[in-house]
Amino acid sequence: MAVYDWEKFGLHVPQMMIPKDGTDYFKWAVVACDQYTSEPEYWDEVESIVGDAPSTLRLMLPEIYLDKEGEAERIKAIRATMDQYLSDGTLQTLAPGAMLIKRTAEGRTRTGLVIATDLEAYDFNKGSKSLTRATEGTVVERIPPRLRIRGDAPIEMPHIIILIDDPEKTVIEPLADQQRTVIYDTDLMMDGGHITGSYIEEKNLEGAKEALSVLFDKAEEKYGEGNVIFQAMGDGNHSLATAKTAWENIKKTLTPEEQKNHPARYALCEIENIHDEGIVFEPIHRVIFANNHGESGMKLVERLVEHLDQQNGNAYIAEEGAEVPEGAFSIPFVTLLKRGQIIIEEPANKLEVGALQNALDVMVKEEKVCDIDYIHGTEAVEKLSVKDGNAGFYLPAMDKFMLFPAVAADGALPRKTFSMGEANEKRYYIESRYIAK
């Protein structure tokens, strides 16, 4: 059996940075920046928990503040804190290796491996056949504001989760038996559960590399040479697309030799096995907010149904619990004035999310009658949707085992099709990596 180099899989063994000994990891670790984007009270509470302690909160910009007044000042402060943490020893660098993660939240435990993905093996453009495959359509307009943050930042932190298809659990799971050093073992703030991180030196990753080699050969047999989908994005699609864009910009300034080992060529990520019982796919719901003062959420629902009817066939509003014709889609909605369901009898899409998103795109992008947010969890949908001028829509969960076959056959899914757990189960920033030369 041939054992390939990490590059063959689109991976790289990084030198990670972790906070110095004695750091309070409960205050250090903060949830991914793209969560709770309509809940300022969440981020206010995080601020009060962190206080003046060293924290990844000072190294990231919660996306609730993107394109808002004060953004430039916040980014400037992030840069200054990065420089401070690098110079005063708050961050310490480990030898090349990976971090084995055990995370428990919402009664579920999953295992992952923090390593680096090779951006040369990733292409988010439509129709891409790259080893690391985007699983949702990339909204290129979302990259520039994120690029303002990553741009010339000296370090990065990962909230990217990349999935592998390893039904026999040969790659990540056996690493629990390897020689490793527990680096952190902590509860996570704001109902984030508990996490343990164990550092594994590069020399102790050979077993994982051998297993990946076998898995790669099987993927070639399954999908055909040149069409191997070896890794599928599980979370952080736009974060990885931003890292890719930043690398392509830097790459233009480098010689071919310099490109080979430049740190910006890679992005930290967590690899997880889609067959891990702790991984669940949750739906991502939608809430829309009227731009016109005085327009009710119910009026937005009626407008939406008109578009759904035009784009599909025979779409209409029905009462909660009304019978759904065979083969039709049912999309429950909630507003201040009414609850019910939208029935689409002749859907033009394979998934409810595709039909709904196509109609919402017209209202948000073309007609500009409303704004939209993507919500994890029903509680937040209920809270936001019963406010005047808002409307919320519930979507069903996707079967996680359909992900690899669907993306291999049809390309990226409609954006925000699924979420790996609820918002509080998302990655918390802990590890970081130096990306400036």
Protein backbone atom coordinates (compact mmCIF):
# COMPACT_ATOMS: atom_id res chain seq x y z
CA MET A 1 0.00 0.00 0.00
CA ALA A 2 1.31 3.42 -0.98
CA VAL A 3 1.37 5.99 1.83
CA TYR A 4 0.88 9.46 0.36
CA ASP A 5 2.18 12.78 1.63
CA TRP A 6 -0.26 15.12 3.39
CA GLU A 7 -0.40 17.30 0.30
CA LYS A 8 -2.07 14.46 -1.59
CA PHE A 9 -5.11 14.80 0.68
CA GLY A 10 -5.13 18.60 0.66
CA LEU A 11 -3.87 18.72 4.25
CA HIS A 12 -0.86 20.13 6.09
CA VAL A 13 0.55 19.56 9.59
CA PRO A 14 0.73 23.05 11.16
CA GLN A 15 2.51 24.77 13.98
CA MET A 16 -0.37 25.89 16.15
CA MET A 17 -0.40 28.52 18.84
CA ILE A 18 -2.22 28.15 22.15
CA PRO A 19 -2.51 30.54 25.12
CA LYS A 20 0.22 30.44 27.73
CA ASP A 21 0.00 28.25 30.81
CA GLY A 22 -2.39 29.58 33.42
CA THR A 23 -4.80 31.13 30.92
CA ASP A 24 -8.48 30.78 31.85
CA TYR A 25 -9.75 28.76 28.87
CA PHE A 26 -13.37 29.40 29.88
CA LYS A 27 -12.81 33.09 29.10
CA TRP A 28 -10.35 32.44 26.27
CA ALA A 29 -12.68 30.30 24.11
CA VAL A 30 -15.45 32.18 22.26
CA VAL A 31 -17.97 30.85 19.74
CA ALA A 32 -17.56 31.37 15.97
CA CYS A 33 -18.02 34.95 14.79
CA ASP A 34 -20.91 34.10 12.44
CA GLN A 35 -23.28 33.01 15.22
CA TYR A 36 -26.00 34.99 17.01
CA THR A 37 -25.94 37.69 14.33
CA SER A 38 -29.35 39.06 15.33
CA GLU A 39 -28.85 38.77 19.09
CA PRO A 40 -26.70 41.62 20.44
CA GLU A 41 -27.59 40.55 23.98
CA TYR A 42 -25.57 37.35 23.44
CA TRP A 43 -22.41 39.30 22.61
CA ASP A 44 -23.06 41.75 25.45
CA GLU A 45 -23.08 38.80 27.86
CA VAL A 46 -19.85 37.43 26.36
CA GLU A 47 -18.24 40.85 26.91
CA SER A 48 -19.27 40.80 30.55
CA ILE A 49 -17.90 37.26 31.05
CA VAL A 50 -14.53 38.01 29.42
CA GLY A 51 -13.89 41.38 31.02
CA ASP A 52 -10.17 42.21 30.81
CA ALA A 53 -8.98 38.59 30.61
CA PRO A 54 -7.03 37.32 27.58
CA SER A 55 -9.61 36.03 25.12
CA THR A 56 -10.19 35.16 21.48
CA LEU A 57 -13.01 37.72 21.70
CA ARG A 58 -10.26 40.31 21.23
CA LEU A 59 -8.94 38.51 18.12
CA MET A 60 -12.18 38.31 16.13
CA LEU A 61 -15.07 40.46 14.97
CA PRO A 62 -18.54 39.07 15.69
CA GLU A 63 -20.40 39.42 12.41
CA ILE A 64 -23.21 41.28 14.12
CA TYR A 65 -20.81 44.26 13.83
CA LEU A 66 -19.96 43.81 10.14
CA ASP A 67 -20.69 46.88 8.00
CA LYS A 68 -21.77 48.79 11.10
CA GLU A 69 -20.50 52.05 12.52
CA GLY A 70 -17.23 51.50 14.34
CA GLU A 71 -16.19 48.46 12.30
CA ALA A 72 -12.86 50.00 11.25
CA GLU A 73 -12.00 50.86 14.87
CA ARG A 74 -12.86 47.33 15.98
CA ILE A 75 -10.61 45.81 13.30
CA LYS A 76 -7.79 48.17 14.28
CA ALA A 77 -8.16 47.04 17.90
CA ILE A 78 -8.07 43.38 16.80
CA ARG A 79 -4.80 43.94 14.94
CA ALA A 80 -3.28 45.67 17.97
CA THR A 81 -4.32 42.81 20.26
CA MET A 82 -2.88 40.23 17.88
CA ASP A 83 0.45 42.06 17.97
CA GLN A 84 0.26 42.34 21.75
CA TYR A 85 -0.52 38.63 22.30
CA LEU A 86 2.37 37.69 19.99
CA SER A 87 4.87 40.00 21.66
CA ASP A 88 4.00 39.56 25.33
CA GLY A 89 3.89 35.76 25.33
CA THR A 90 0.13 35.38 25.65
CA LEU A 91 0.41 33.02 22.67
CA GLN A 92 2.93 30.20 22.60
CA THR A 93 3.86 28.11 19.56
CA LEU A 94 3.81 24.31 19.52
CA ALA A 95 5.97 22.05 17.37
CA PRO A 96 4.28 20.75 14.18
CA GLY A 97 1.34 18.57 15.10
CA ALA A 98 -2.44 18.38 15.43
CA MET A 99 -4.99 18.73 18.22
CA LEU A 100 -7.40 15.89 18.93
CA ILE A 101 -10.69 17.40 20.07
CA LYS A 102 -13.45 15.85 22.14
CA ARG A 103 -16.51 18.11 22.37
CA THR A 104 -19.70 17.46 24.29
CA ALA A 105 -22.72 19.73 23.88
CA GLU A 106 -26.48 19.21 23.96
CA GLY A 107 -25.90 15.66 25.21
CA ARG A 108 -23.85 14.68 22.15
CA THR A 109 -20.11 14.02 21.96
CA ARG A 110 -18.08 14.25 18.78
CA THR A 111 -14.38 13.92 17.94
CA GLY A 112 -12.31 16.08 15.62
CA LEU A 113 -8.75 16.82 14.57
CA VAL A 114 -7.47 20.39 14.30
CA ILE A 115 -5.02 20.46 11.40
CA ALA A 116 -4.52 22.72 8.35
CA THR A 117 -6.17 22.48 4.97
CA ASP A 118 -4.20 23.28 1.80
CA LEU A 119 -5.94 26.11 -0.04
CA GLU A 120 -4.40 24.88 -3.29
CA ALA A 121 -6.72 21.86 -2.97
CA TYR A 122 -9.85 24.00 -2.60
CA ASP A 123 -11.88 25.93 -5.16
CA PHE A 124 -15.26 27.43 -4.26
CA ASN A 125 -16.22 28.31 -7.84
CA LYS A 126 -19.29 26.66 -9.31
CA GLY A 127 -18.52 23.34 -11.01
CA SER A 128 -15.25 22.87 -9.13
CA LYS A 129 -13.85 19.34 -8.84
CA SER A 130 -11.35 20.23 -6.11
CA LEU A 131 -10.39 17.71 -3.41
CA THR A 132 -11.93 19.94 -0.74
CA ARG A 133 -15.40 20.75 -2.01
CA ALA A 134 -17.70 23.62 -1.12
CA THR A 135 -21.08 22.25 -0.04
CA GLU A 136 -23.07 25.43 -0.51
CA GLY A 137 -23.06 28.19 -3.08
CA THR A 138 -20.55 30.87 -2.16
CA VAL A 139 -21.93 34.39 -2.01
CA VAL A 140 -18.94 36.34 -3.29
CA GLU A 141 -20.37 39.58 -1.87
CA ARG A 142 -19.80 38.15 1.60
CA ILE A 143 -16.05 37.79 1.06
CA PRO A 144 -14.83 41.46 0.94
CA PRO A 145 -16.00 42.41 4.47
CA ARG A 146 -14.39 39.25 5.87
CA LEU A 147 -11.27 39.98 3.86
CA ARG A 148 -10.99 43.31 5.67
CA ILE A 149 -10.50 41.29 8.84
CA ARG A 150 -8.18 38.56 7.53
CA GLY A 151 -6.36 40.80 5.03
CA ASP A 152 -3.03 41.64 6.66
CA ALA A 153 -3.80 39.92 10.00
CA PRO A 154 -0.72 38.13 11.37
CA ILE A 155 -2.70 35.21 12.82
CA GLU A 156 -5.81 33.19 12.09
CA MET A 157 -8.23 31.15 14.20
CA PRO A 158 -10.42 28.38 12.81
CA HIS A 159 -14.15 27.93 12.88
CA ILE A 160 -13.95 25.85 9.70
CA ILE A 161 -15.11 22.25 9.99
CA ILE A 162 -14.32 19.89 7.12
CA LEU A 163 -15.93 16.47 6.87
CA ILE A 164 -14.42 13.20 5.70
CA ASP A 165 -16.39 10.13 4.68
CA ASP A 166 -14.85 7.36 6.79
CA PRO A 167 -17.53 4.75 7.61
CA GLU A 168 -15.02 2.35 9.20
CA LYS A 169 -13.63 5.12 11.44
CA THR A 170 -10.00 4.53 10.54
CA VAL A 171 -8.54 8.06 10.54
CA ILE A 172 -9.55 10.20 13.52
CA GLU A 173 -10.96 7.77 16.07
CA PRO A 174 -7.79 5.62 16.49
CA LEU A 175 -5.81 8.75 17.42
CA ALA A 176 -7.32 8.50 20.90
CA ASP A 177 -4.88 5.61 21.46
CA GLN A 178 -1.82 7.56 20.25
CA GLN A 179 0.67 9.30 22.52
CA ARG A 180 -0.80 12.71 23.24
CA THR A 181 -0.68 15.54 25.76
CA VAL A 182 -3.85 17.09 27.16
CA ILE A 183 -3.55 20.85 26.57
CA TYR A 184 -6.96 22.02 27.76
CA ASP A 185 -10.00 20.52 29.43
CA THR A 186 -12.66 23.13 30.06
CA ASP A 187 -16.31 24.08 30.08
CA LEU A 188 -17.32 26.53 27.37
CA MET A 189 -19.24 29.72 28.10
CA MET A 190 -22.84 30.40 27.09
CA ASP A 191 -24.04 26.78 27.08
CA GLY A 192 -21.20 25.65 24.81
CA GLY A 193 -20.74 22.37 26.68
CA HIS A 194 -17.31 20.93 27.42
CA ILE A 195 -14.17 20.49 25.33
CA THR A 196 -10.87 18.63 25.71
CA GLY A 197 -7.89 19.21 23.41
CA SER A 198 -4.94 16.79 23.23
CA TYR A 199 -1.81 17.68 21.27
CA ILE A 200 -0.34 14.99 18.98
CA GLU A 201 3.15 15.43 17.54
CA GLU A 202 3.61 15.01 13.79
CA LYS A 203 5.52 11.73 14.20
CA ASN A 204 2.49 10.20 15.93
CA LEU A 205 0.19 11.06 13.01
CA GLU A 206 1.64 8.40 10.69
CA GLY A 207 -1.25 6.01 11.39
CA ALA A 208 -3.75 8.67 10.39
CA LYS A 209 -1.78 9.34 7.21
CA GLU A 210 -1.81 5.64 6.30
CA ALA A 211 -5.58 5.47 6.88
CA LEU A 212 -6.09 8.59 4.75
CA SER A 213 -4.08 6.95 1.95
CA VAL A 214 -6.45 3.97 1.94
CA LEU A 215 -9.46 6.28 2.09
CA PHE A 216 -8.13 8.32 -0.84
CA ASP A 217 -7.71 5.21 -3.02
CA LYS A 218 -11.28 4.18 -2.21
CA ALA A 219 -12.54 7.67 -3.12
CA GLU A 220 -10.78 7.45 -6.49
CA GLU A 221 -12.48 4.11 -7.14
CA LYS A 222 -15.85 5.54 -6.12
CA TYR A 223 -15.82 8.91 -7.88
CA GLY A 224 -13.19 8.45 -10.58
CA GLU A 225 -9.77 10.05 -10.95
CA GLY A 226 -10.06 13.81 -11.26
CA ASN A 227 -13.46 13.93 -9.58
CA VAL A 228 -12.55 12.85 -6.06
CA ILE A 229 -14.53 14.62 -3.37
CA PHE A 230 -12.27 13.80 -0.46
CA GLN A 231 -13.34 16.51 1.96
CA ALA A 232 -16.67 18.32 2.14
CA MET A 233 -17.24 21.59 3.92
CA GLY A 234 -19.28 21.10 7.08
CA ASP A 235 -19.09 24.61 8.49
CA GLY A 236 -17.38 27.89 7.70
CA ASN A 237 -17.84 27.89 3.91
CA HIS A 238 -17.35 31.64 3.64
CA SER A 239 -14.52 31.67 6.15
CA LEU A 240 -12.59 29.22 3.97
CA ALA A 241 -13.55 31.13 0.81
CA THR A 242 -12.10 34.26 2.42
CA ALA A 243 -8.87 32.45 3.29
CA LYS A 244 -8.67 31.20 -0.31
CA THR A 245 -9.20 34.70 -1.71
CA ALA A 246 -6.56 36.14 0.61
CA TRP A 247 -4.11 33.44 -0.48
CA GLU A 248 -4.76 34.06 -4.18
CA ASN A 249 -4.01 37.76 -3.62
CA ILE A 250 -0.76 37.00 -1.76
CA LYS A 251 0.22 34.33 -4.26
CA LYS A 252 0.46 36.91 -7.06
CA THR A 253 3.36 38.56 -5.23
CA LEU A 254 5.39 35.35 -4.73
CA THR A 255 7.72 33.25 -6.84
CA PRO A 256 6.70 29.61 -7.45
CA GLU A 257 9.29 28.54 -4.89
CA GLU A 258 7.94 30.97 -2.27
CA GLN A 259 4.41 29.74 -2.86
CA LYS A 260 5.29 26.20 -1.79
CA ASN A 261 5.66 26.90 1.93
CA HIS A 262 4.09 30.29 2.55
CA PRO A 263 1.97 30.04 5.73
CA ALA A 264 -1.00 31.82 4.11
CA ARG A 265 -1.30 28.87 1.71
CA TYR A 266 -2.96 26.95 4.55
CA ALA A 267 -5.94 27.51 6.85
CA LEU A 268 -6.53 25.94 10.24
CA CYS A 269 -9.59 23.73 10.36
CA GLU A 270 -11.14 20.89 12.29
CA ILE A 271 -11.56 17.61 10.43
CA GLU A 272 -14.52 15.47 11.53
CA ASN A 273 -15.90 12.14 10.33
CA ILE A 274 -19.45 12.43 9.02
CA HIS A 275 -20.07 8.96 10.50
CA ASP A 276 -19.41 10.22 14.03
CA GLU A 277 -22.63 9.61 15.98
CA GLY A 278 -22.21 12.99 17.66
CA ILE A 279 -22.63 14.85 14.38
CA VAL A 280 -26.18 15.87 13.56
CA PHE A 281 -27.42 18.03 10.73
CA GLU A 282 -29.83 20.68 11.91
CA PRO A 283 -31.83 22.89 9.55
CA ILE A 284 -31.03 26.58 9.18
CA HIS A 285 -34.23 28.58 9.38
CA ARG A 286 -34.92 32.01 7.87
CA VAL A 287 -36.24 35.21 9.39
CA ILE A 288 -36.96 38.27 7.24
CA PHE A 289 -37.29 41.87 8.41
CA ALA A 290 -39.41 44.44 6.50
CA ASN A 291 -37.52 47.46 5.18
CA ASN A 292 -40.69 49.53 4.81
CA HIS A 293 -41.98 50.98 8.06
CA GLY A 294 -45.48 49.77 8.80
CA GLU A 295 -45.41 46.71 6.53
CA SER A 296 -46.46 43.62 8.47
CA GLY A 297 -44.70 40.30 8.49
CA MET A 298 -47.85 38.72 7.05
CA LYS A 299 -47.65 41.03 4.02
CA LEU A 300 -44.11 39.75 3.44
CA VAL A 301 -45.38 36.16 3.60
CA GLU A 302 -48.08 36.95 1.01
CA ARG A 303 -45.50 38.54 -1.28
CA LEU A 304 -43.24 35.52 -0.83
CA VAL A 305 -46.05 33.15 -1.81
CA GLU A 306 -46.57 35.10 -5.04
CA HIS A 307 -42.93 34.51 -5.98
CA LEU A 308 -43.08 30.85 -4.95
CA ASP A 309 -46.15 30.41 -7.15
CA GLN A 310 -44.39 31.99 -10.13
CA GLN A 311 -41.16 30.03 -9.67
CA ASN A 312 -42.81 26.70 -8.92
CA GLY A 313 -46.45 25.78 -9.30
CA ASN A 314 -49.55 26.36 -7.19
CA ALA A 315 -48.15 27.82 -3.98
CA TYR A 316 -50.58 29.01 -1.32
CA ILE A 317 -51.04 29.67 2.41
CA ALA A 318 -52.70 26.98 4.53
CA GLU A 319 -53.57 26.62 8.20
CA GLU A 320 -51.30 24.82 10.64
CA GLY A 321 -52.01 21.10 10.50
CA ALA A 322 -53.74 21.25 7.11
CA GLU A 323 -53.20 18.21 4.89
CA VAL A 324 -50.20 18.43 2.56
CA PRO A 325 -50.73 16.90 -0.91
CA GLU A 326 -48.40 14.06 -1.88
CA GLY A 327 -45.14 15.33 -3.39
CA ALA A 328 -45.76 18.89 -2.19
CA PHE A 329 -43.52 20.99 0.05
CA SER A 330 -44.75 22.41 3.34
CA ILE A 331 -42.90 25.37 4.85
CA PRO A 332 -44.26 26.44 8.26
CA PHE A 333 -44.19 30.18 8.97
CA VAL A 334 -44.78 32.45 11.95
CA THR A 335 -45.57 36.17 12.18
CA LEU A 336 -47.02 38.49 14.80
CA LEU A 337 -50.50 38.14 13.29
CA LYS A 338 -50.65 34.56 12.07
CA ARG A 339 -49.04 31.13 12.02
CA GLY A 340 -49.51 28.65 9.22
CA GLN A 341 -47.76 26.83 6.41
CA ILE A 342 -46.89 27.58 2.82
CA ILE A 343 -47.80 24.72 0.50
CA ILE A 344 -45.94 24.34 -2.82
CA GLU A 345 -47.75 21.65 -4.81
CA GLU A 346 -45.39 21.58 -7.80
CA PRO A 347 -41.88 22.34 -6.48
CA ALA A 348 -39.16 23.05 -9.03
CA ASN A 349 -36.39 22.21 -6.55
CA LYS A 350 -35.25 19.01 -4.86
CA LEU A 351 -35.19 20.60 -1.40
CA GLU A 352 -37.51 22.98 0.44
CA VAL A 353 -34.55 25.22 1.19
CA GLY A 354 -33.87 25.69 -2.53
CA ALA A 355 -37.43 26.75 -3.31
CA LEU A 356 -37.63 29.11 -0.34
CA GLN A 357 -34.21 30.68 -0.92
CA ASN A 358 -34.88 31.38 -4.61
CA ALA A 359 -38.01 33.37 -3.73
CA LEU A 360 -36.40 35.15 -0.80
CA ASP A 361 -33.46 36.18 -2.99
CA VAL A 362 -35.86 38.11 -5.23
CA MET A 363 -37.34 39.96 -2.27
CA VAL A 364 -33.99 40.70 -0.62
CA LYS A 365 -31.69 41.35 -3.59
CA GLU A 366 -33.97 42.60 -6.37
CA GLU A 367 -36.98 44.17 -4.71
CA LYS A 368 -35.08 45.10 -1.53
CA VAL A 369 -38.27 44.97 0.53
CA CYS A 370 -36.67 43.06 3.39
CA ASP A 371 -33.45 41.90 4.97
CA ILE A 372 -32.76 38.29 5.96
CA ASP A 373 -30.99 36.38 8.70
CA TYR A 374 -30.19 32.69 8.93
CA ILE A 375 -31.13 31.25 12.30
CA HIS A 376 -30.01 28.13 14.17
CA GLY A 377 -32.66 26.82 16.54
CA THR A 378 -36.40 27.29 16.84
CA GLU A 379 -36.31 29.40 19.99
CA ALA A 380 -34.55 32.30 18.24
CA VAL A 381 -36.96 32.04 15.28
CA GLU A 382 -39.94 32.35 17.62
CA LYS A 383 -38.45 35.30 19.46
CA LEU A 384 -37.59 37.24 16.31
CA SER A 385 -40.59 36.37 14.15
CA VAL A 386 -43.33 37.67 16.46
CA LYS A 387 -41.97 41.21 16.27
CA ASP A 388 -43.91 43.58 14.03
CA GLY A 389 -42.65 43.55 10.45
CA ASN A 390 -40.84 40.21 10.77
CA ALA A 391 -41.62 36.72 9.47
CA GLY A 392 -39.95 33.41 10.18
CA PHE A 393 -39.81 30.20 8.14
CA TYR A 394 -38.97 26.71 9.39
CA LEU A 395 -37.07 24.21 7.27
CA PRO A 396 -36.56 20.45 7.69
CA ALA A 397 -33.23 18.78 8.48
CA MET A 398 -31.14 17.17 5.74
CA ASP A 399 -29.98 13.54 5.93
CA LYS A 400 -26.24 13.90 6.59
CA PHE A 401 -25.39 10.76 4.64
CA MET A 402 -26.73 12.41 1.48
CA LEU A 403 -24.06 15.14 1.63
CA PHE A 404 -21.13 13.50 -0.18
CA PRO A 405 -23.24 11.83 -2.93
CA ALA A 406 -25.32 14.99 -3.48
CA VAL A 407 -22.33 17.33 -3.78
CA ALA A 408 -20.42 14.85 -5.96
CA ALA A 409 -23.39 14.49 -8.32
CA ASP A 410 -24.92 17.98 -8.39
CA GLY A 411 -22.31 20.35 -6.96
CA ALA A 412 -22.91 22.82 -4.14
CA LEU A 413 -26.25 22.78 -2.36
CA PRO A 414 -28.39 25.89 -1.86
CA ARG A 415 -26.66 28.09 0.69
CA LYS A 416 -27.48 27.59 4.34
CA THR A 417 -28.99 24.15 3.66
CA PHE A 418 -27.82 22.58 6.89
CA SER A 419 -26.04 23.32 10.13
CA MET A 420 -23.88 20.97 12.15
CA GLY A 421 -25.81 21.34 15.37
CA GLU A 422 -27.31 24.41 16.99
CA ALA A 423 -25.50 27.73 17.41
CA ASN A 424 -24.07 26.83 20.83
CA GLU A 425 -22.56 23.64 19.33
CA LYS A 426 -20.46 25.54 16.79
CA ARG A 427 -16.67 25.69 17.00
CA TYR A 428 -15.21 27.85 19.74
CA TYR A 429 -11.94 29.61 18.92
CA ILE A 430 -9.02 28.20 20.91
CA GLU A 431 -6.06 27.36 18.64
CA SER A 432 -4.48 29.90 16.31
CA ARG A 433 -1.70 29.98 13.71
CA TYR A 434 0.76 32.54 12.37
CA ILE A 435 -0.02 33.31 8.71
CA ALA A 436 2.33 36.21 7.94
CA LYS A 437 5.71 35.40 6.36
